[in-house]
Amino acid sequence: GGMTVKRRNHGRNRHGRNHTRLVNCDGCGCKPPKDKAIKRFTVRNIVDKSSLSDLQEACIIDKYELPKMYNKVQYCVSCAVHRKTVRPRSATDRKVRYQGRPAARDKYSRDD
């Protein structure tokens, strides 16, 4: 047979294209290709939960919806692994493909 392949997409998402533009890694500033970068879209409240109640009491407008903070982060593989955005997975687990956002429990639980 041919050479062994670690990932079915060779670690990128570039099928049929010869080149994809480079993006800036938000961790270290290196430039991974856009299709290889690990991208996450984070939506957070501008205020943390502890100060939220204080703010709501002080607020004059009732039912005031606080704005959210939207941030798209793009990491190179090294930074994504370092921040635990992605984890190294065993050969069989690498075959598992997630659709959409993985459940929060999968993100942190490690069943060894």
Protein backbone atom coordinates (compact mmCIF):
# COMPACT_ATOMS: atom_id res chain seq x y z
CA GLY A 1 0.00 0.00 0.00
CA GLY A 2 0.84 3.68 0.01
CA MET A 3 2.06 5.80 2.84
CA THR A 4 0.10 5.81 6.05
CA VAL A 5 -2.08 8.87 6.50
CA LYS A 6 -2.76 10.40 9.88
CA ARG A 7 -5.84 12.43 8.90
CA ARG A 8 -8.28 11.96 6.07
CA ASN A 9 -8.07 15.67 5.20
CA HIS A 10 -4.31 15.95 5.89
CA GLY A 11 -5.08 18.51 8.59
CA ARG A 12 -6.67 21.03 6.25
CA ASN A 13 -9.94 21.80 4.53
CA ARG A 14 -8.65 22.83 1.15
CA HIS A 15 -10.17 20.18 -1.13
CA GLY A 16 -9.68 21.01 -4.80
CA ARG A 17 -8.05 24.38 -4.15
CA ASN A 18 -4.36 24.96 -4.72
CA HIS A 19 -3.89 27.73 -2.21
CA THR A 20 -5.76 29.41 0.61
CA ARG A 21 -4.90 32.76 2.12
CA LEU A 22 -2.97 33.00 5.36
CA VAL A 23 -4.63 34.26 8.53
CA ASN A 24 -3.05 35.60 11.70
CA CYS A 25 -2.96 33.29 14.69
CA ASP A 26 -4.47 35.11 17.68
CA GLY A 27 -2.11 33.25 19.99
CA CYS A 28 1.37 33.71 18.61
CA GLY A 29 0.94 35.81 15.49
CA CYS A 30 2.17 33.16 13.07
CA LYS A 31 0.30 32.75 9.80
CA PRO A 32 -1.45 29.42 9.34
CA PRO A 33 -3.47 28.86 6.16
CA LYS A 34 -7.13 29.79 6.64
CA ASP A 35 -8.32 26.24 6.09
CA LYS A 36 -5.87 24.81 8.61
CA ALA A 37 -6.42 27.37 11.36
CA ILE A 38 -8.66 26.29 14.24
CA LYS A 39 -11.51 28.79 14.33
CA ARG A 40 -13.89 29.39 17.23
CA PHE A 41 -16.63 31.98 17.55
CA THR A 42 -17.00 33.11 21.15
CA VAL A 43 -20.04 34.97 22.46
CA ARG A 44 -19.67 36.30 26.01
CA ASN A 45 -21.44 38.83 28.16
CA ILE A 46 -19.48 42.05 28.50
CA VAL A 47 -20.00 41.86 32.27
CA ASP A 48 -19.18 38.75 34.26
CA LYS A 49 -21.91 36.96 36.21
CA SER A 50 -20.82 38.31 39.60
CA SER A 51 -21.27 41.99 38.64
CA LEU A 52 -24.38 41.35 36.57
CA SER A 53 -26.87 41.64 39.45
CA ASP A 54 -25.28 44.90 40.70
CA LEU A 55 -25.56 46.39 37.25
CA GLN A 56 -29.16 45.36 36.80
CA GLU A 57 -30.15 46.98 40.12
CA ALA A 58 -28.33 50.19 39.21
CA CYS A 59 -29.85 50.27 35.72
CA ILE A 60 -32.64 52.81 35.12
CA ILE A 61 -34.13 51.11 32.05
CA ASP A 62 -35.95 47.99 33.17
CA LYS A 63 -35.50 44.84 31.09
CA TYR A 64 -32.33 46.36 29.60
CA GLU A 65 -30.53 43.73 27.57
CA LEU A 66 -26.78 43.99 28.06
CA PRO A 67 -24.76 43.86 24.83
CA LYS A 68 -22.68 40.78 24.23
CA MET A 69 -19.08 40.49 23.17
CA TYR A 70 -18.65 38.63 19.89
CA ASN A 71 -15.17 37.45 19.03
CA LYS A 72 -13.89 35.14 16.33
CA VAL A 73 -10.56 33.61 17.29
CA GLN A 74 -8.26 31.79 14.91
CA TYR A 75 -5.39 29.73 16.26
CA CYS A 76 -2.59 27.77 14.70
CA VAL A 77 -2.54 24.10 15.71
CA SER A 78 0.12 24.63 18.39
CA CYS A 79 -1.79 27.43 20.11
CA ALA A 80 -5.11 25.59 19.89
CA VAL A 81 -3.57 22.57 21.57
CA HIS A 82 -1.87 24.76 24.17
CA ARG A 83 -5.17 26.49 25.06
CA LYS A 84 -6.95 23.13 25.07
CA THR A 85 -9.31 24.31 22.33
CA VAL A 86 -8.50 21.03 20.65
CA ARG A 87 -6.94 17.95 22.22
CA PRO A 88 -4.71 15.23 20.85
CA ARG A 89 -6.92 12.22 20.13
CA SER A 90 -6.16 8.55 19.69
CA ALA A 91 -6.10 7.09 16.19
CA THR A 92 -9.66 5.78 16.50
CA ASP A 93 -10.98 9.01 18.06
CA ARG A 94 -9.47 11.09 15.26
CA LYS A 95 -11.99 9.48 12.92
CA VAL A 96 -14.88 11.00 14.88
CA ARG A 97 -16.14 14.16 13.19
CA TYR A 98 -18.25 16.70 15.04
CA GLN A 99 -21.08 18.60 13.43
CA GLY A 100 -21.56 22.10 14.81
CA ARG A 101 -20.58 22.83 18.38
CA PRO A 102 -19.55 19.91 20.58
CA ALA A 103 -21.38 19.69 23.91
CA ALA A 104 -19.68 21.50 26.77
CA ARG A 105 -19.15 18.26 28.70
CA ASP A 106 -17.08 16.73 25.87
CA LYS A 107 -14.80 19.72 25.95
CA TYR A 108 -13.44 19.21 29.44
CA SER A 109 -14.12 15.60 30.44
CA ARG A 110 -11.35 13.13 29.92
CA ASP A 111 -12.26 9.52 30.49
CA ASP A 112 -8.99 7.61 30.68
